[in-house]
Amino acid sequence: MISIDVTGRTPIYEQICRAICSEIARGVLKENDKIPASRALAQQLGLNPNTVSKAYSILERDGIIYTLAGRGSFVAAQNGKAISALTRDFEAITLEALNAGVSAEVLIETVNRLKGEKQ
């Protein structure tokens, strides 16, 4: 389900947020699906439970998951929230590139190239 790169520069809680958003965007997790309890996920990944709790708090704040006391955390109705969370950095970098004079055509070619490399 979730893999974490503990040696990477991206904070672990952000990796957890992205992994859950990615599973929602790909349709692996759907609305009202239960996600692992933060302590269980922390144990599974060998992490501090506070790290997973921080990720869950951010996801809940952003409306991507919701928590029911005594029952756990679940995937919220999305309306594009998970995809928006996944593309937030992309949008900022794209805008920066456009403002720096990179043409939209070059950016589109770059996305198409990356898409081809992924396939």
PDB file of N, CA and C in Angstrom:
ATOM      1  N   MET A   1       0.825  -1.184   0.000  1.00  0.00           N
ATOM      2  CA  MET A   1       0.000   0.000   0.000  1.00  0.00           C
ATOM      3  C   MET A   1       0.872   1.252   0.000  1.00  0.00           C
ATOM      4  N   ILE A   2       1.557   1.525   1.083  1.00  0.00           N
ATOM      5  CA  ILE A   2       2.356   2.740   1.186  1.00  0.00           C
ATOM      6  C   ILE A   2       3.818   2.355   1.353  1.00  0.00           C
ATOM      7  N   SER A   3       4.670   2.997   0.550  1.00  0.00           N
ATOM      8  CA  SER A   3       6.106   2.803   0.742  1.00  0.00           C
ATOM      9  C   SER A   3       6.718   4.166   1.044  1.00  0.00           C
ATOM     10  N   ILE A   4       7.670   4.159   1.947  1.00  0.00           N
ATOM     11  CA  ILE A   4       8.291   5.391   2.430  1.00  0.00           C
ATOM     12  C   ILE A   4       9.786   5.336   2.161  1.00  0.00           C
ATOM     13  N   ASP A   5      10.334   6.461   1.712  1.00  0.00           N
ATOM     14  CA  ASP A   5      11.772   6.592   1.517  1.00  0.00           C
ATOM     15  C   ASP A   5      12.330   7.408   2.674  1.00  0.00           C
ATOM     16  N   VAL A   6      12.864   6.713   3.670  1.00  0.00           N
ATOM     17  CA  VAL A   6      13.364   7.405   4.864  1.00  0.00           C
ATOM     18  C   VAL A   6      14.649   8.175   4.587  1.00  0.00           C
ATOM     19  N   THR A   7      15.310   7.894   3.469  1.00  0.00           N
ATOM     20  CA  THR A   7      16.550   8.601   3.139  1.00  0.00           C
ATOM     21  C   THR A   7      16.305   9.808   2.242  1.00  0.00           C
ATOM     22  N   GLY A   8      15.084   9.962   1.752  1.00  0.00           N
ATOM     23  CA  GLY A   8      14.770  11.061   0.843  1.00  0.00           C
ATOM     24  C   GLY A   8      14.657  12.389   1.559  1.00  0.00           C
ATOM     25  N   ARG A   9      14.573  13.453   0.763  1.00  0.00           N
ATOM     26  CA  ARG A   9      14.480  14.798   1.329  1.00  0.00           C
ATOM     27  C   ARG A   9      13.043  15.192   1.658  1.00  0.00           C
ATOM     28  N   THR A  10      12.072  14.460   1.117  1.00  0.00           N
ATOM     29  CA  THR A  10      10.672  14.773   1.397  1.00  0.00           C
ATOM     30  C   THR A  10      10.314  14.250   2.780  1.00  0.00           C
ATOM     31  N   PRO A  11       9.728  15.102   3.624  1.00  0.00           N
ATOM     32  CA  PRO A  11       9.351  14.641   4.964  1.00  0.00           C
ATOM     33  C   PRO A  11       8.427  13.422   4.895  1.00  0.00           C
ATOM     34  N   ILE A  12       8.575  12.553   5.857  1.00  0.00           N
ATOM     35  CA  ILE A  12       7.824  11.292   5.853  1.00  0.00           C
ATOM     36  C   ILE A  12       6.325  11.550   5.896  1.00  0.00           C
ATOM     37  N   TYR A  13       5.885  12.520   6.682  1.00  0.00           N
ATOM     38  CA  TYR A  13       4.443  12.774   6.759  1.00  0.00           C
ATOM     39  C   TYR A  13       3.900  13.218   5.400  1.00  0.00           C
ATOM     40  N   GLU A  14       4.690  13.966   4.621  1.00  0.00           N
ATOM     41  CA  GLU A  14       4.264  14.370   3.280  1.00  0.00           C
ATOM     42  C   GLU A  14       4.203  13.157   2.351  1.00  0.00           C
ATOM     43  N   GLN A  15       5.146  12.233   2.490  1.00  0.00           N
ATOM     44  CA  GLN A  15       5.126  11.015   1.682  1.00  0.00           C
ATOM     45  C   GLN A  15       3.864  10.208   1.965  1.00  0.00           C
ATOM     46  N   ILE A  16       3.462  10.146   3.227  1.00  0.00           N
ATOM     47  CA  ILE A  16       2.243   9.419   3.588  1.00  0.00           C
ATOM     48  C   ILE A  16       1.033  10.102   2.967  1.00  0.00           C
ATOM     49  N   CYS A  17       0.962  11.431   3.074  1.00  0.00           N
ATOM     50  CA  CYS A  17      -0.149  12.176   2.464  1.00  0.00           C
ATOM     51  C   CYS A  17      -0.226  11.918   0.966  1.00  0.00           C
ATOM     52  N   ARG A  18       0.907  11.998   0.294  1.00  0.00           N
ATOM     53  CA  ARG A  18       0.934  11.777  -1.163  1.00  0.00           C
ATOM     54  C   ARG A  18       0.542  10.353  -1.521  1.00  0.00           C
ATOM     55  N   ALA A  19       1.002   9.393  -0.735  1.00  0.00           N
ATOM     56  CA  ALA A  19       0.683   7.988  -1.023  1.00  0.00           C
ATOM     57  C   ALA A  19      -0.812   7.742  -0.900  1.00  0.00           C
ATOM     58  N   ILE A  20      -1.436   8.294   0.130  1.00  0.00           N
ATOM     59  CA  ILE A  20      -2.877   8.104   0.301  1.00  0.00           C
ATOM     60  C   ILE A  20      -3.637   8.835  -0.801  1.00  0.00           C
ATOM     61  N   CYS A  21      -3.231  10.060  -1.120  1.00  0.00           N
ATOM     62  CA  CYS A  21      -3.872  10.799  -2.217  1.00  0.00           C
ATOM     63  C   CYS A  21      -3.715  10.056  -3.540  1.00  0.00           C
ATOM     64  N   SER A  22      -2.552   9.474  -3.759  1.00  0.00           N
ATOM     65  CA  SER A  22      -2.306   8.723  -4.986  1.00  0.00           C
ATOM     66  C   SER A  22      -3.229   7.515  -5.087  1.00  0.00           C
ATOM     67  N   GLU A  23      -3.420   6.822  -3.979  1.00  0.00           N
ATOM     68  CA  GLU A  23      -4.313   5.658  -3.997  1.00  0.00           C
ATOM     69  C   GLU A  23      -5.759   6.076  -4.239  1.00  0.00           C
ATOM     70  N   ILE A  24      -6.134   7.237  -3.744  1.00  0.00           N
ATOM     71  CA  ILE A  24      -7.476   7.760  -4.010  1.00  0.00           C
ATOM     72  C   ILE A  24      -7.603   8.136  -5.486  1.00  0.00           C
ATOM     73  N   ALA A  25      -6.604   8.841  -6.008  1.00  0.00           N
ATOM     74  CA  ALA A  25      -6.636   9.283  -7.411  1.00  0.00           C
ATOM     75  C   ALA A  25      -6.673   8.099  -8.378  1.00  0.00           C
ATOM     76  N   ARG A  26      -5.976   7.004  -8.036  1.00  0.00           N
ATOM     77  CA  ARG A  26      -5.970   5.816  -8.900  1.00  0.00           C
ATOM     78  C   ARG A  26      -7.195   4.943  -8.710  1.00  0.00           C
ATOM     79  N   GLY A  27      -8.022   5.261  -7.718  1.00  0.00           N
ATOM     80  CA  GLY A  27      -9.237   4.483  -7.491  1.00  0.00           C
ATOM     81  C   GLY A  27      -9.049   3.272  -6.601  1.00  0.00           C
ATOM     82  N   VAL A  28      -7.858   3.113  -6.027  1.00  0.00           N
ATOM     83  CA  VAL A  28      -7.619   2.006  -5.109  1.00  0.00           C
ATOM     84  C   VAL A  28      -8.433   2.221  -3.834  1.00  0.00           C
ATOM     85  N   LEU A  29      -8.435   3.460  -3.358  1.00  0.00           N
ATOM     86  CA  LEU A  29      -9.268   3.839  -2.213  1.00  0.00           C
ATOM     87  C   LEU A  29     -10.426   4.668  -2.736  1.00  0.00           C
ATOM     88  N   LYS A  30     -11.618   4.338  -2.259  1.00  0.00           N
ATOM     89  CA  LYS A  30     -12.823   5.035  -2.705  1.00  0.00           C
ATOM     90  C   LYS A  30     -13.517   5.685  -1.506  1.00  0.00           C
ATOM     91  N   GLU A  31     -14.475   6.543  -1.806  1.00  0.00           N
ATOM     92  CA  GLU A  31     -15.218   7.237  -0.757  1.00  0.00           C
ATOM     93  C   GLU A  31     -15.738   6.248   0.293  1.00  0.00           C
ATOM     94  N   ASN A  32     -15.541   6.601   1.533  1.00  0.00           N
ATOM     95  CA  ASN A  32     -15.967   5.839   2.712  1.00  0.00           C
ATOM     96  C   ASN A  32     -15.153   4.576   2.973  1.00  0.00           C
ATOM     97  N   ASP A  33     -14.105   4.323   2.195  1.00  0.00           N
ATOM     98  CA  ASP A  33     -13.202   3.208   2.509  1.00  0.00           C
ATOM     99  C   ASP A  33     -12.445   3.549   3.779  1.00  0.00           C
ATOM    100  N   LYS A  34     -12.264   2.559   4.621  1.00  0.00           N
ATOM    101  CA  LYS A  34     -11.509   2.755   5.855  1.00  0.00           C
ATOM    102  C   LYS A  34     -10.021   2.681   5.537  1.00  0.00           C
ATOM    103  N   ILE A  35      -9.260   3.598   6.112  1.00  0.00           N
ATOM    104  CA  ILE A  35      -7.808   3.553   5.962  1.00  0.00           C
ATOM    105  C   ILE A  35      -7.227   3.006   7.267  1.00  0.00           C
ATOM    106  N   PRO A  36      -6.022   2.481   7.222  1.00  0.00           N
ATOM    107  CA  PRO A  36      -5.447   1.890   8.434  1.00  0.00           C
ATOM    108  C   PRO A  36      -5.371   2.897   9.583  1.00  0.00           C
ATOM    109  N   ALA A  37      -5.566   2.389  10.785  1.00  0.00           N
ATOM    110  CA  ALA A  37      -5.402   3.237  11.967  1.00  0.00           C
ATOM    111  C   ALA A  37      -3.981   3.778  11.981  1.00  0.00           C
ATOM    112  N   SER A  38      -3.806   4.976  12.506  1.00  0.00           N
ATOM    113  CA  SER A  38      -2.479   5.602  12.470  1.00  0.00           C
ATOM    114  C   SER A  38      -1.440   4.758  13.209  1.00  0.00           C
ATOM    115  N   ARG A  39      -1.809   4.178  14.320  1.00  0.00           N
ATOM    116  CA  ARG A  39      -0.847   3.346  15.056  1.00  0.00           C
ATOM    117  C   ARG A  39      -0.499   2.081  14.283  1.00  0.00           C
ATOM    118  N   ALA A  40      -1.496   1.486  13.646  1.00  0.00           N
ATOM    119  CA  ALA A  40      -1.248   0.272  12.867  1.00  0.00           C
ATOM    120  C   ALA A  40      -0.344   0.575  11.674  1.00  0.00           C
ATOM    121  N   LEU A  41      -0.599   1.693  10.990  1.00  0.00           N
ATOM    122  CA  LEU A  41       0.233   2.068   9.846  1.00  0.00           C
ATOM    123  C   LEU A  41       1.651   2.398  10.303  1.00  0.00           C
ATOM    124  N   ALA A  42       1.758   3.093  11.425  1.00  0.00           N
ATOM    125  CA  ALA A  42       3.083   3.420  11.956  1.00  0.00           C
ATOM    126  C   ALA A  42       3.864   2.147  12.261  1.00  0.00           C
ATOM    127  N   GLN A  43       3.204   1.181  12.857  1.00  0.00           N
ATOM    128  CA  GLN A  43       3.873  -0.083  13.175  1.00  0.00           C
ATOM    129  C   GLN A  43       4.268  -0.819  11.896  1.00  0.00           C
ATOM    130  N   GLN A  44       3.367  -0.842  10.926  1.00  0.00           N
ATOM    131  CA  GLN A  44       3.631  -1.516   9.650  1.00  0.00           C
ATOM    132  C   GLN A  44       4.831  -0.901   8.932  1.00  0.00           C
ATOM    133  N   LEU A  45       4.945   0.423   8.988  1.00  0.00           N
ATOM    134  CA  LEU A  45       6.017   1.126   8.284  1.00  0.00           C
ATOM    135  C   LEU A  45       7.260   1.338   9.147  1.00  0.00           C
ATOM    136  N   GLY A  46       7.167   1.010  10.426  1.00  0.00           N
ATOM    137  CA  GLY A  46       8.294   1.212  11.335  1.00  0.00           C
ATOM    138  C   GLY A  46       8.539   2.677  11.642  1.00  0.00           C
ATOM    139  N   LEU A  47       7.445   3.427  11.799  1.00  0.00           N
ATOM    140  CA  LEU A  47       7.536   4.869  12.030  1.00  0.00           C
ATOM    141  C   LEU A  47       6.997   5.234  13.405  1.00  0.00           C
ATOM    142  N   ASN A  48       7.283   6.448  13.811  1.00  0.00           N
ATOM    143  CA  ASN A  48       6.712   6.993  15.029  1.00  0.00           C
ATOM    144  C   ASN A  48       5.226   7.270  14.763  1.00  0.00           C
ATOM    145  N   PRO A  49       4.328   6.835  15.655  1.00  0.00           N
ATOM    146  CA  PRO A  49       2.893   7.082  15.450  1.00  0.00           C
ATOM    147  C   PRO A  49       2.548   8.555  15.286  1.00  0.00           C
ATOM    148  N   ASN A  50       3.331   9.453  15.889  1.00  0.00           N
ATOM    149  CA  ASN A  50       3.056  10.887  15.748  1.00  0.00           C
ATOM    150  C   ASN A  50       3.240  11.355  14.305  1.00  0.00           C
ATOM    151  N   THR A  51       4.141  10.723  13.577  1.00  0.00           N
ATOM    152  CA  THR A  51       4.369  11.075  12.171  1.00  0.00           C
ATOM    153  C   THR A  51       3.140  10.752  11.341  1.00  0.00           C
ATOM    154  N   VAL A  52       2.588   9.572  11.544  1.00  0.00           N
ATOM    155  CA  VAL A  52       1.382   9.171  10.808  1.00  0.00           C
ATOM    156  C   VAL A  52       0.201  10.032  11.241  1.00  0.00           C
ATOM    157  N   SER A  53       0.092  10.313  12.532  1.00  0.00           N
ATOM    158  CA  SER A  53      -0.989  11.174  13.026  1.00  0.00           C
ATOM    159  C   SER A  53      -0.928  12.555  12.386  1.00  0.00           C
ATOM    160  N   LYS A  54       0.279  13.081  12.204  1.00  0.00           N
ATOM    161  CA  LYS A  54       0.435  14.391  11.560  1.00  0.00           C
ATOM    162  C   LYS A  54      -0.076  14.340  10.119  1.00  0.00           C
ATOM    163  N   ALA A  55       0.275  13.271   9.405  1.00  0.00           N
ATOM    164  CA  ALA A  55      -0.195  13.117   8.022  1.00  0.00           C
ATOM    165  C   ALA A  55      -1.720  13.031   7.987  1.00  0.00           C
ATOM    166  N   TYR A  56      -2.300  12.237   8.887  1.00  0.00           N
ATOM    167  CA  TYR A  56      -3.753  12.096   8.925  1.00  0.00           C
ATOM    168  C   TYR A  56      -4.425  13.426   9.264  1.00  0.00           C
ATOM    169  N   SER A  57      -3.819  14.206  10.142  1.00  0.00           N
ATOM    170  CA  SER A  57      -4.375  15.516  10.500  1.00  0.00           C
ATOM    171  C   SER A  57      -4.401  16.439   9.288  1.00  0.00           C
ATOM    172  N   ILE A  58      -3.335  16.417   8.512  1.00  0.00           N
ATOM    173  CA  ILE A  58      -3.270  17.253   7.302  1.00  0.00           C
ATOM    174  C   ILE A  58      -4.315  16.792   6.293  1.00  0.00           C
ATOM    175  N   LEU A  59      -4.416  15.477   6.105  1.00  0.00           N
ATOM    176  CA  LEU A  59      -5.407  14.945   5.163  1.00  0.00           C
ATOM    177  C   LEU A  59      -6.825  15.296   5.606  1.00  0.00           C
ATOM    178  N   GLU A  60      -7.065  15.253   6.904  1.00  0.00           N
ATOM    179  CA  GLU A  60      -8.394  15.603   7.416  1.00  0.00           C
ATOM    180  C   GLU A  60      -8.656  17.101   7.246  1.00  0.00           C
ATOM    181  N   ARG A  61      -7.665  17.909   7.545  1.00  0.00           N
ATOM    182  CA  ARG A  61      -7.798  19.361   7.380  1.00  0.00           C
ATOM    183  C   ARG A  61      -8.136  19.720   5.930  1.00  0.00           C
ATOM    184  N   ASP A  62      -7.526  18.991   4.992  1.00  0.00           N
ATOM    185  CA  ASP A  62      -7.739  19.255   3.567  1.00  0.00           C
ATOM    186  C   ASP A  62      -9.005  18.601   3.020  1.00  0.00           C
ATOM    187  N   GLY A  63      -9.749  17.895   3.879  1.00  0.00           N
ATOM    188  CA  GLY A  63     -11.008  17.283   3.451  1.00  0.00           C
ATOM    189  C   GLY A  63     -10.829  16.015   2.653  1.00  0.00           C
ATOM    190  N   ILE A  64      -9.666  15.392   2.731  1.00  0.00           N
ATOM    191  CA  ILE A  64      -9.397  14.178   1.965  1.00  0.00           C
ATOM    192  C   ILE A  64      -9.839  12.942   2.735  1.00  0.00           C
ATOM    193  N   ILE A  65      -9.733  13.003   4.060  1.00  0.00           N
ATOM    194  CA  ILE A  65     -10.243  11.919   4.901  1.00  0.00           C
ATOM    195  C   ILE A  65     -11.091  12.539   6.007  1.00  0.00           C
ATOM    196  N   TYR A  66     -11.850  11.694   6.685  1.00  0.00           N
ATOM    197  CA  TYR A  66     -12.581  12.133   7.870  1.00  0.00           C
ATOM    198  C   TYR A  66     -12.444  11.052   8.930  1.00  0.00           C
ATOM    199  N   THR A  67     -12.599  11.452  10.170  1.00  0.00           N
ATOM    200  CA  THR A  67     -12.433  10.532  11.288  1.00  0.00           C
ATOM    201  C   THR A  67     -13.714  10.479  12.099  1.00  0.00           C
ATOM    202  N   LEU A  68     -14.095   9.266  12.463  1.00  0.00           N
ATOM    203  CA  LEU A  68     -15.227   9.052  13.350  1.00  0.00           C
ATOM    204  C   LEU A  68     -14.681   8.493  14.654  1.00  0.00           C
ATOM    205  N   ALA A  69     -14.995   9.169  15.753  1.00  0.00           N
ATOM    206  CA  ALA A  69     -14.484   8.750  17.061  1.00  0.00           C
ATOM    207  C   ALA A  69     -14.831   7.284  17.326  1.00  0.00           C
ATOM    208  N   GLY A  70     -13.813   6.526  17.672  1.00  0.00           N
ATOM    209  CA  GLY A  70     -13.997   5.125  18.004  1.00  0.00           C
ATOM    210  C   GLY A  70     -14.148   4.198  16.822  1.00  0.00           C
ATOM    211  N   ARG A  71     -14.228   4.731  15.613  1.00  0.00           N
ATOM    212  CA  ARG A  71     -14.415   3.897  14.425  1.00  0.00           C
ATOM    213  C   ARG A  71     -13.241   3.949  13.466  1.00  0.00           C
ATOM    214  N   GLY A  72     -12.509   5.059  13.443  1.00  0.00           N
ATOM    215  CA  GLY A  72     -11.349   5.161  12.573  1.00  0.00           C
ATOM    216  C   GLY A  72     -11.440   6.282  11.568  1.00  0.00           C
ATOM    217  N   SER A  73     -10.555   6.211  10.574  1.00  0.00           N
ATOM    218  CA  SER A  73     -10.485   7.232   9.524  1.00  0.00           C
ATOM    219  C   SER A  73     -10.926   6.637   8.200  1.00  0.00           C
ATOM    220  N   PHE A  74     -11.595   7.455   7.406  1.00  0.00           N
ATOM    221  CA  PHE A  74     -12.198   7.013   6.163  1.00  0.00           C
ATOM    222  C   PHE A  74     -11.945   8.032   5.060  1.00  0.00           C
ATOM    223  N   VAL A  75     -12.033   7.582   3.819  1.00  0.00           N
ATOM    224  CA  VAL A  75     -11.865   8.458   2.660  1.00  0.00           C
ATOM    225  C   VAL A  75     -13.119   9.317   2.519  1.00  0.00           C
ATOM    226  N   ALA A  76     -12.932  10.614   2.431  1.00  0.00           N
ATOM    227  CA  ALA A  76     -14.041  11.556   2.277  1.00  0.00           C
ATOM    228  C   ALA A  76     -14.445  11.652   0.807  1.00  0.00           C
ATOM    229  N   ALA A  77     -15.619  12.231   0.564  1.00  0.00           N
ATOM    230  CA  ALA A  77     -16.027  12.551  -0.801  1.00  0.00           C
ATOM    231  C   ALA A  77     -14.986  13.505  -1.371  1.00  0.00           C
ATOM    232  N   GLN A  78     -14.498  13.234  -2.559  1.00  0.00           N
ATOM    233  CA  GLN A  78     -13.319  13.929  -3.052  1.00  0.00           C
ATOM    234  C   GLN A  78     -13.564  15.231  -3.776  1.00  0.00           C
ATOM    235  N   ASN A  79     -14.383  15.248  -4.767  1.00  0.00           N
ATOM    236  CA  ASN A  79     -14.554  16.453  -5.587  1.00  0.00           C
ATOM    237  C   ASN A  79     -13.211  17.000  -6.057  1.00  0.00           C
ATOM    238  N   GLY A  80     -12.276  16.099  -6.364  1.00  0.00           N
ATOM    239  CA  GLY A  80     -10.974  16.484  -6.887  1.00  0.00           C
ATOM    240  C   GLY A  80      -9.949  16.889  -5.847  1.00  0.00           C
ATOM    241  N   LYS A  81     -10.244  16.732  -4.557  1.00  0.00           N
ATOM    242  CA  LYS A  81      -9.328  17.189  -3.509  1.00  0.00           C
ATOM    243  C   LYS A  81      -8.009  16.426  -3.508  1.00  0.00           C
ATOM    244  N   ALA A  82      -8.053  15.114  -3.697  1.00  0.00           N
ATOM    245  CA  ALA A  82      -6.813  14.329  -3.686  1.00  0.00           C
ATOM    246  C   ALA A  82      -5.941  14.711  -4.877  1.00  0.00           C
ATOM    247  N   ILE A  83      -6.547  14.849  -6.030  1.00  0.00           N
ATOM    248  CA  ILE A  83      -5.786  15.227  -7.229  1.00  0.00           C
ATOM    249  C   ILE A  83      -5.233  16.641  -7.062  1.00  0.00           C
ATOM    250  N   SER A  84      -6.019  17.515  -6.492  1.00  0.00           N
ATOM    251  CA  SER A  84      -5.554  18.879  -6.242  1.00  0.00           C
ATOM    252  C   SER A  84      -4.346  18.878  -5.310  1.00  0.00           C
ATOM    253  N   ALA A  85      -4.386  18.037  -4.285  1.00  0.00           N
ATOM    254  CA  ALA A  85      -3.251  17.947  -3.358  1.00  0.00           C
ATOM    255  C   ALA A  85      -2.013  17.409  -4.067  1.00  0.00           C
ATOM    256  N   LEU A  86      -2.209  16.469  -4.982  1.00  0.00           N
ATOM    257  CA  LEU A  86      -1.077  15.885  -5.706  1.00  0.00           C
ATOM    258  C   LEU A  86      -0.477  16.850  -6.718  1.00  0.00           C
ATOM    259  N   THR A  87      -1.273  17.769  -7.246  1.00  0.00           N
ATOM    260  CA  THR A  87      -0.786  18.675  -8.287  1.00  0.00           C
ATOM    261  C   THR A  87      -0.427  20.063  -7.770  1.00  0.00           C
ATOM    262  N   ARG A  88      -0.557  20.289  -6.477  1.00  0.00           N
ATOM    263  CA  ARG A  88      -0.286  21.611  -5.897  1.00  0.00           C
ATOM    264  C   ARG A  88       1.128  22.097  -6.240  1.00  0.00           C
ATOM    265  N   ASP A  89       2.126  21.253  -6.019  1.00  0.00           N
ATOM    266  CA  ASP A  89       3.510  21.639  -6.319  1.00  0.00           C
ATOM    267  C   ASP A  89       3.714  21.820  -7.821  1.00  0.00           C
ATOM    268  N   PHE A  90       3.093  20.952  -8.613  1.00  0.00           N
ATOM    269  CA  PHE A  90       3.200  21.037 -10.065  1.00  0.00           C
ATOM    270  C   PHE A  90       2.689  22.393 -10.554  1.00  0.00           C
ATOM    271  N   GLU A  91       1.558  22.811 -10.033  1.00  0.00           N
ATOM    272  CA  GLU A  91       0.988  24.093 -10.443  1.00  0.00           C
ATOM    273  C   GLU A  91       1.922  25.248 -10.100  1.00  0.00           C
ATOM    274  N   ALA A  92       2.498  25.214  -8.917  1.00  0.00           N
ATOM    275  CA  ALA A  92       3.404  26.297  -8.508  1.00  0.00           C
ATOM    276  C   ALA A  92       4.645  26.344  -9.389  1.00  0.00           C
ATOM    277  N   ILE A  93       5.208  25.184  -9.675  1.00  0.00           N
ATOM    278  CA  ILE A  93       6.417  25.125 -10.504  1.00  0.00           C
ATOM    279  C   ILE A  93       6.100  25.516 -11.945  1.00  0.00           C
ATOM    280  N   THR A  94       4.940  25.093 -12.436  1.00  0.00           N
ATOM    281  CA  THR A  94       4.526  25.451 -13.795  1.00  0.00           C
ATOM    282  C   THR A  94       4.358  26.961 -13.918  1.00  0.00           C
ATOM    283  N   LEU A  95       3.706  27.560 -12.941  1.00  0.00           N
ATOM    284  CA  LEU A  95       3.527  29.007 -12.957  1.00  0.00           C
ATOM    285  C   LEU A  95       4.867  29.719 -12.900  1.00  0.00           C
ATOM    286  N   GLU A  96       5.773  29.215 -12.088  1.00  0.00           N
ATOM    287  CA  GLU A  96       7.118  29.794 -12.000  1.00  0.00           C
ATOM    288  C   GLU A  96       7.825  29.711 -13.356  1.00  0.00           C
ATOM    289  N   ALA A  97       7.706  28.556 -14.020  1.00  0.00           N
ATOM    290  CA  ALA A  97       8.342  28.387 -15.330  1.00  0.00           C
ATOM    291  C   ALA A  97       7.726  29.328 -16.362  1.00  0.00           C
ATOM    292  N   LEU A  98       6.395  29.449 -16.350  1.00  0.00           N
ATOM    293  CA  LEU A  98       5.728  30.354 -17.290  1.00  0.00           C
ATOM    294  C   LEU A  98       6.157  31.797 -17.054  1.00  0.00           C
ATOM    295  N   ASN A  99       6.245  32.188 -15.782  1.00  0.00           N
ATOM    296  CA  ASN A  99       6.674  33.552 -15.452  1.00  0.00           C
ATOM    297  C   ASN A  99       8.129  33.799 -15.827  1.00  0.00           C
ATOM    298  N   ALA A 100       8.925  32.730 -15.883  1.00  0.00           N
ATOM    299  CA  ALA A 100      10.336  32.858 -16.252  1.00  0.00           C
ATOM    300  C   ALA A 100      10.532  32.862 -17.766  1.00  0.00           C
ATOM    301  N   GLY A 101       9.439  32.676 -18.507  1.00  0.00           N
ATOM    302  CA  GLY A 101       9.535  32.737 -19.960  1.00  0.00           C
ATOM    303  C   GLY A 101       9.505  31.406 -20.677  1.00  0.00           C
ATOM    304  N   VAL A 102       9.339  30.303 -19.968  1.00  0.00           N
ATOM    305  CA  VAL A 102       9.221  28.996 -20.621  1.00  0.00           C
ATOM    306  C   VAL A 102       7.842  28.943 -21.271  1.00  0.00           C
ATOM    307  N   SER A 103       7.797  28.525 -22.526  1.00  0.00           N
ATOM    308  CA  SER A 103       6.521  28.517 -23.240  1.00  0.00           C
ATOM    309  C   SER A 103       5.647  27.345 -22.787  1.00  0.00           C
ATOM    310  N   ALA A 104       4.353  27.533 -22.966  1.00  0.00           N
ATOM    311  CA  ALA A 104       3.400  26.469 -22.625  1.00  0.00           C
ATOM    312  C   ALA A 104       3.678  25.223 -23.466  1.00  0.00           C
ATOM    313  N   GLU A 105       4.118  25.419 -24.707  1.00  0.00           N
ATOM    314  CA  GLU A 105       4.403  24.291 -25.588  1.00  0.00           C
ATOM    315  C   GLU A 105       5.537  23.430 -25.030  1.00  0.00           C
ATOM    316  N   VAL A 106       6.564  24.066 -24.505  1.00  0.00           N
ATOM    317  CA  VAL A 106       7.693  23.339 -23.921  1.00  0.00           C
ATOM    318  C   VAL A 106       7.227  22.560 -22.696  1.00  0.00           C
ATOM    319  N   LEU A 107       6.385  23.174 -21.888  1.00  0.00           N
ATOM    320  CA  LEU A 107       5.877  22.490 -20.701  1.00  0.00           C
ATOM    321  C   LEU A 107       5.011  21.288 -21.089  1.00  0.00           C
ATOM    322  N   ILE A 108       4.174  21.462 -22.093  1.00  0.00           N
ATOM    323  CA  ILE A 108       3.325  20.361 -22.559  1.00  0.00           C
ATOM    324  C   ILE A 108       4.179  19.232 -23.116  1.00  0.00           C
ATOM    325  N   GLU A 109       5.212  19.575 -23.899  1.00  0.00           N
ATOM    326  CA  GLU A 109       6.127  18.553 -24.424  1.00  0.00           C
ATOM    327  C   GLU A 109       6.816  17.806 -23.282  1.00  0.00           C
ATOM    328  N   THR A 110       7.178  18.519 -22.236  1.00  0.00           N
ATOM    329  CA  THR A 110       7.833  17.892 -21.084  1.00  0.00           C
ATOM    330  C   THR A 110       6.888  16.912 -20.396  1.00  0.00           C
ATOM    331  N   VAL A 111       5.651  17.319 -20.206  1.00  0.00           N
ATOM    332  CA  VAL A 111       4.664  16.420 -19.586  1.00  0.00           C
ATOM    333  C   VAL A 111       4.450  15.192 -20.467  1.00  0.00           C
ATOM    334  N   ASN A 112       4.328  15.396 -21.764  1.00  0.00           N
ATOM    335  CA  ASN A 112       4.132  14.256 -22.671  1.00  0.00           C
ATOM    336  C   ASN A 112       5.339  13.315 -22.668  1.00  0.00           C
ATOM    337  N   ARG A 113       6.534  13.879 -22.608  1.00  0.00           N
ATOM    338  CA  ARG A 113       7.747  13.046 -22.538  1.00  0.00           C
ATOM    339  C   ARG A 113       7.770  12.230 -21.277  1.00  0.00           C
ATOM    340  N   LEU A 114       7.455  12.872 -20.152  1.00  0.00           N
ATOM    341  CA  LEU A 114       7.435  12.165 -18.867  1.00  0.00           C
ATOM    342  C   LEU A 114       6.361  11.079 -18.848  1.00  0.00           C
ATOM    343  N   LYS A 115       5.240  11.371 -19.450  1.00  0.00           N
ATOM    344  CA  LYS A 115       4.165  10.381 -19.537  1.00  0.00           C
ATOM    345  C   LYS A 115       4.616   9.177 -20.356  1.00  0.00           C
ATOM    346  N   GLY A 116       5.329   9.438 -21.450  1.00  0.00           N
ATOM    347  CA  GLY A 116       5.860   8.356 -22.284  1.00  0.00           C
ATOM    348  C   GLY A 116       6.895   7.520 -21.565  1.00  0.00           C
ATOM    349  N   GLU A 117       7.727   8.169 -20.752  1.00  0.00           N
ATOM    350  CA  GLU A 117       8.747   7.442 -19.990  1.00  0.00           C
ATOM    351  C   GLU A 117       8.128   6.566 -18.923  1.00  0.00           C
ATOM    352  N   LYS A 118       6.994   6.989 -18.381  1.00  0.00           N
ATOM    353  CA  LYS A 118       6.330   6.219 -17.326  1.00  0.00           C
ATOM    354  C   LYS A 118       5.684   4.971 -17.883  1.00  0.00           C
ATOM    355  N   GLN A 119       5.247   5.018 -19.132  1.00  0.00           N
ATOM    356  CA  GLN A 119       4.546   3.875 -19.727  1.00  0.00           C
ATOM    357  C   GLN A 119       5.501   2.842 -20.100  1.00  0.00           C
TER     358      GLN A 119
END
